[in-house]
Structures are given as C-alpha cells and as structure tokens.
Amino acid sequence: MTLLGYHYTEISFGLFAAILYATFNFLMIFIVLRFILCTDCAFYGKYCYTGWGLLASKLFKRETGNFKLGTKISGVIWFEFILIPLISLIYSLNLYKLI
C-alpha cells in the first residue's frame, strides 16, 4: 500500500510529497506504533501473526510504550495510510481526464 500511495502521490503532488508520505508511514507503522502498542502485547518477543511482536522486542524494551495512547492514534494512522493513496489516485485520474 505504501508503494502504491507513493506512486500516486508522486504523480499527483510531486516527488517531495511522495517521499514525505512514504517516510511518515514507515516511521509511524514500523517504529512508533511498534513502540506504543507492541511493547505491551502478550506476543512481545514472539512470532505473532504479523511478526511485529518480534520486531518490537528487537527495537524496544518491554512495557515502555503507552497502550492506551496507541489505541487512540493507531486508527488515525491507519486511516491516513489508506486515505492518502485513494485521494491521490482519484486526483491523478481526474488530472489525466480518465474519469
């Protein structure tokens, strides 16, 4: 999804916006959310169905995050992760008069 979002954001809004989108998503999903959510998980240090529990154990100490805050902001982050590529796709299709 990040690559697709990067591609359509680059087409619609330029290279800088695409790099900003990809960097923000990488940092938020693989670093910030792993710190906030996965350090308090029962699968910390083990293989969960996503593999993030093992990733979190390699990067952060157990129970250093804030699970309550993570549950509040994770929905916003995942919504942005999906919404920006859709907006960029619709804009680029409209830009090239395909819709």
C-alpha atoms as a PDB file:
ATOM      1  CA  MET A   1       0.000   0.000   0.000  1.00  0.00           C
ATOM      2  CA  THR A   2       2.871   2.365   0.742  1.00  0.00           C
ATOM      3  CA  LEU A   3       4.382   1.855  -2.704  1.00  0.00           C
ATOM      4  CA  LEU A   4       1.034   2.432  -4.374  1.00  0.00           C
ATOM      5  CA  GLY A   5       0.452   5.521  -2.256  1.00  0.00           C
ATOM      6  CA  TYR A   6       3.963   6.731  -3.039  1.00  0.00           C
ATOM      7  CA  HIS A   7       3.414   6.262  -6.772  1.00  0.00           C
ATOM      8  CA  TYR A   8       0.092   8.076  -6.968  1.00  0.00           C
ATOM      9  CA  THR A   9       1.217  10.806  -4.589  1.00  0.00           C
ATOM     10  CA  GLU A  10       4.255  11.401  -6.775  1.00  0.00           C
ATOM     11  CA  ILE A  11       2.093  11.606  -9.896  1.00  0.00           C
ATOM     12  CA  SER A  12      -0.454  13.899  -8.268  1.00  0.00           C
ATOM     13  CA  PHE A  13       1.509  16.095  -5.889  1.00  0.00           C
ATOM     14  CA  GLY A  14       5.197  15.701  -6.752  1.00  0.00           C
ATOM     15  CA  LEU A  15       8.283  13.892  -5.544  1.00  0.00           C
ATOM     16  CA  PHE A  16       8.641  15.761  -2.252  1.00  0.00           C
ATOM     17  CA  ALA A  17       5.091  14.904  -1.163  1.00  0.00           C
ATOM     18  CA  ALA A  18       5.625  11.256  -2.118  1.00  0.00           C
ATOM     19  CA  ILE A  19       8.862  10.986  -0.142  1.00  0.00           C
ATOM     20  CA  LEU A  20       7.202  12.704   2.813  1.00  0.00           C
ATOM     21  CA  TYR A  21       4.261  10.271   2.646  1.00  0.00           C
ATOM     22  CA  ALA A  22       6.479   7.161   2.455  1.00  0.00           C
ATOM     23  CA  THR A  23       8.806   8.336   5.228  1.00  0.00           C
ATOM     24  CA  PHE A  24       5.931   9.261   7.528  1.00  0.00           C
ATOM     25  CA  ASN A  25       4.247   5.897   7.028  1.00  0.00           C
ATOM     26  CA  PHE A  26       7.439   3.936   7.552  1.00  0.00           C
ATOM     27  CA  LEU A  27       8.229   5.772  10.774  1.00  0.00           C
ATOM     28  CA  MET A  28       4.707   5.596  12.151  1.00  0.00           C
ATOM     29  CA  ILE A  29       3.904   1.983  11.295  1.00  0.00           C
ATOM     30  CA  PHE A  30       7.248   0.279  11.831  1.00  0.00           C
ATOM     31  CA  ILE A  31       8.693   2.391  14.633  1.00  0.00           C
ATOM     32  CA  VAL A  32       6.143   4.481  16.558  1.00  0.00           C
ATOM     33  CA  LEU A  33       3.243   2.022  16.609  1.00  0.00           C
ATOM     34  CA  ARG A  34       5.565  -0.870  17.443  1.00  0.00           C
ATOM     35  CA  PHE A  35       6.892   1.122  20.388  1.00  0.00           C
ATOM     36  CA  ILE A  36       3.482   2.244  21.599  1.00  0.00           C
ATOM     37  CA  LEU A  37       1.427  -0.906  21.020  1.00  0.00           C
ATOM     38  CA  CYS A  38       3.654  -3.972  20.738  1.00  0.00           C
ATOM     39  CA  THR A  39       5.758  -3.475  23.850  1.00  0.00           C
ATOM     40  CA  ASP A  40       2.687  -4.212  25.997  1.00  0.00           C
ATOM     41  CA  CYS A  41       1.452  -7.141  23.906  1.00  0.00           C
ATOM     42  CA  ALA A  42       1.339 -10.762  25.042  1.00  0.00           C
ATOM     43  CA  PHE A  43       3.260 -11.693  21.886  1.00  0.00           C
ATOM     44  CA  TYR A  44       6.189  -9.393  22.686  1.00  0.00           C
ATOM     45  CA  GLY A  45       9.335 -11.256  21.681  1.00  0.00           C
ATOM     46  CA  LYS A  46       7.390 -13.992  19.889  1.00  0.00           C
ATOM     47  CA  TYR A  47       6.051 -14.561  16.430  1.00  0.00           C
ATOM     48  CA  CYS A  48       2.568 -13.107  16.285  1.00  0.00           C
ATOM     49  CA  TYR A  49       0.513 -13.289  13.101  1.00  0.00           C
ATOM     50  CA  THR A  50       2.134 -10.083  11.806  1.00  0.00           C
ATOM     51  CA  GLY A  51       5.651 -10.552  13.166  1.00  0.00           C
ATOM     52  CA  TRP A  52       5.601  -7.173  14.884  1.00  0.00           C
ATOM     53  CA  GLY A  53       5.993  -8.635  18.366  1.00  0.00           C
ATOM     54  CA  LEU A  54       9.395  -9.955  17.405  1.00  0.00           C
ATOM     55  CA  LEU A  55      10.317  -6.666  15.706  1.00  0.00           C
ATOM     56  CA  ALA A  56       9.294  -4.703  18.793  1.00  0.00           C
ATOM     57  CA  SER A  57      11.417  -6.905  21.034  1.00  0.00           C
ATOM     58  CA  LYS A  58      14.472  -6.219  18.869  1.00  0.00           C
ATOM     59  CA  LEU A  59      13.950  -2.444  18.994  1.00  0.00           C
ATOM     60  CA  PHE A  60      12.404  -1.617  22.390  1.00  0.00           C
ATOM     61  CA  LYS A  61      12.239  -2.801  25.991  1.00  0.00           C
ATOM     62  CA  ARG A  62       9.093  -4.463  27.317  1.00  0.00           C
ATOM     63  CA  GLU A  63       6.266  -2.227  28.640  1.00  0.00           C
ATOM     64  CA  THR A  64       7.910   1.060  27.675  1.00  0.00           C
ATOM     65  CA  GLY A  65       5.061   2.185  25.418  1.00  0.00           C
ATOM     66  CA  ASN A  66       1.661   3.634  26.177  1.00  0.00           C
ATOM     67  CA  PHE A  67      -1.005   1.182  25.021  1.00  0.00           C
ATOM     68  CA  LYS A  68      -3.919   3.498  25.809  1.00  0.00           C
ATOM     69  CA  LEU A  69      -2.461   6.267  23.641  1.00  0.00           C
ATOM     70  CA  GLY A  70      -1.616   3.723  20.939  1.00  0.00           C
ATOM     71  CA  THR A  71      -5.181   2.519  20.631  1.00  0.00           C
ATOM     72  CA  LYS A  72      -6.305   6.102  20.116  1.00  0.00           C
ATOM     73  CA  ILE A  73      -3.788   7.124  17.461  1.00  0.00           C
ATOM     74  CA  SER A  74      -3.452   3.837  15.577  1.00  0.00           C
ATOM     75  CA  GLY A  75      -6.842   4.237  13.924  1.00  0.00           C
ATOM     76  CA  VAL A  76      -5.910   7.705  12.713  1.00  0.00           C
ATOM     77  CA  ILE A  77      -2.575   6.484  11.355  1.00  0.00           C
ATOM     78  CA  TRP A  78      -4.092   3.516   9.502  1.00  0.00           C
ATOM     79  CA  PHE A  79      -6.873   5.761   8.156  1.00  0.00           C
ATOM     80  CA  GLU A  80      -4.250   8.149   6.763  1.00  0.00           C
ATOM     81  CA  PHE A  81      -2.277   5.194   5.414  1.00  0.00           C
ATOM     82  CA  ILE A  82      -5.261   4.226   3.248  1.00  0.00           C
ATOM     83  CA  LEU A  83      -6.881   7.613   2.600  1.00  0.00           C
ATOM     84  CA  ILE A  84      -3.899   9.461   1.082  1.00  0.00           C
ATOM     85  CA  PRO A  85      -3.376   6.893  -1.741  1.00  0.00           C
ATOM     86  CA  LEU A  86      -7.098   6.947  -2.546  1.00  0.00           C
ATOM     87  CA  ILE A  87      -7.153  10.740  -2.721  1.00  0.00           C
ATOM     88  CA  SER A  88      -4.009  10.723  -4.849  1.00  0.00           C
ATOM     89  CA  LEU A  89      -5.424   8.067  -7.163  1.00  0.00           C
ATOM     90  CA  ILE A  90      -8.679   9.968  -7.701  1.00  0.00           C
ATOM     91  CA  TYR A  91      -6.787  13.213  -8.204  1.00  0.00           C
ATOM     92  CA  SER A  92      -4.383  11.664 -10.731  1.00  0.00           C
ATOM     93  CA  LEU A  93      -7.226  10.026 -12.651  1.00  0.00           C
ATOM     94  CA  ASN A  94      -9.010  13.361 -12.746  1.00  0.00           C
ATOM     95  CA  LEU A  95      -5.754  15.121 -13.684  1.00  0.00           C
ATOM     96  CA  TYR A  96      -5.337  12.943 -16.775  1.00  0.00           C
ATOM     97  CA  LYS A  97      -9.075  13.076 -17.585  1.00  0.00           C
ATOM     98  CA  LEU A  98      -9.571   9.340 -17.072  1.00  0.00           C
ATOM     99  CA  ILE A  99     -12.729   9.770 -15.019  1.00  0.00           C
END
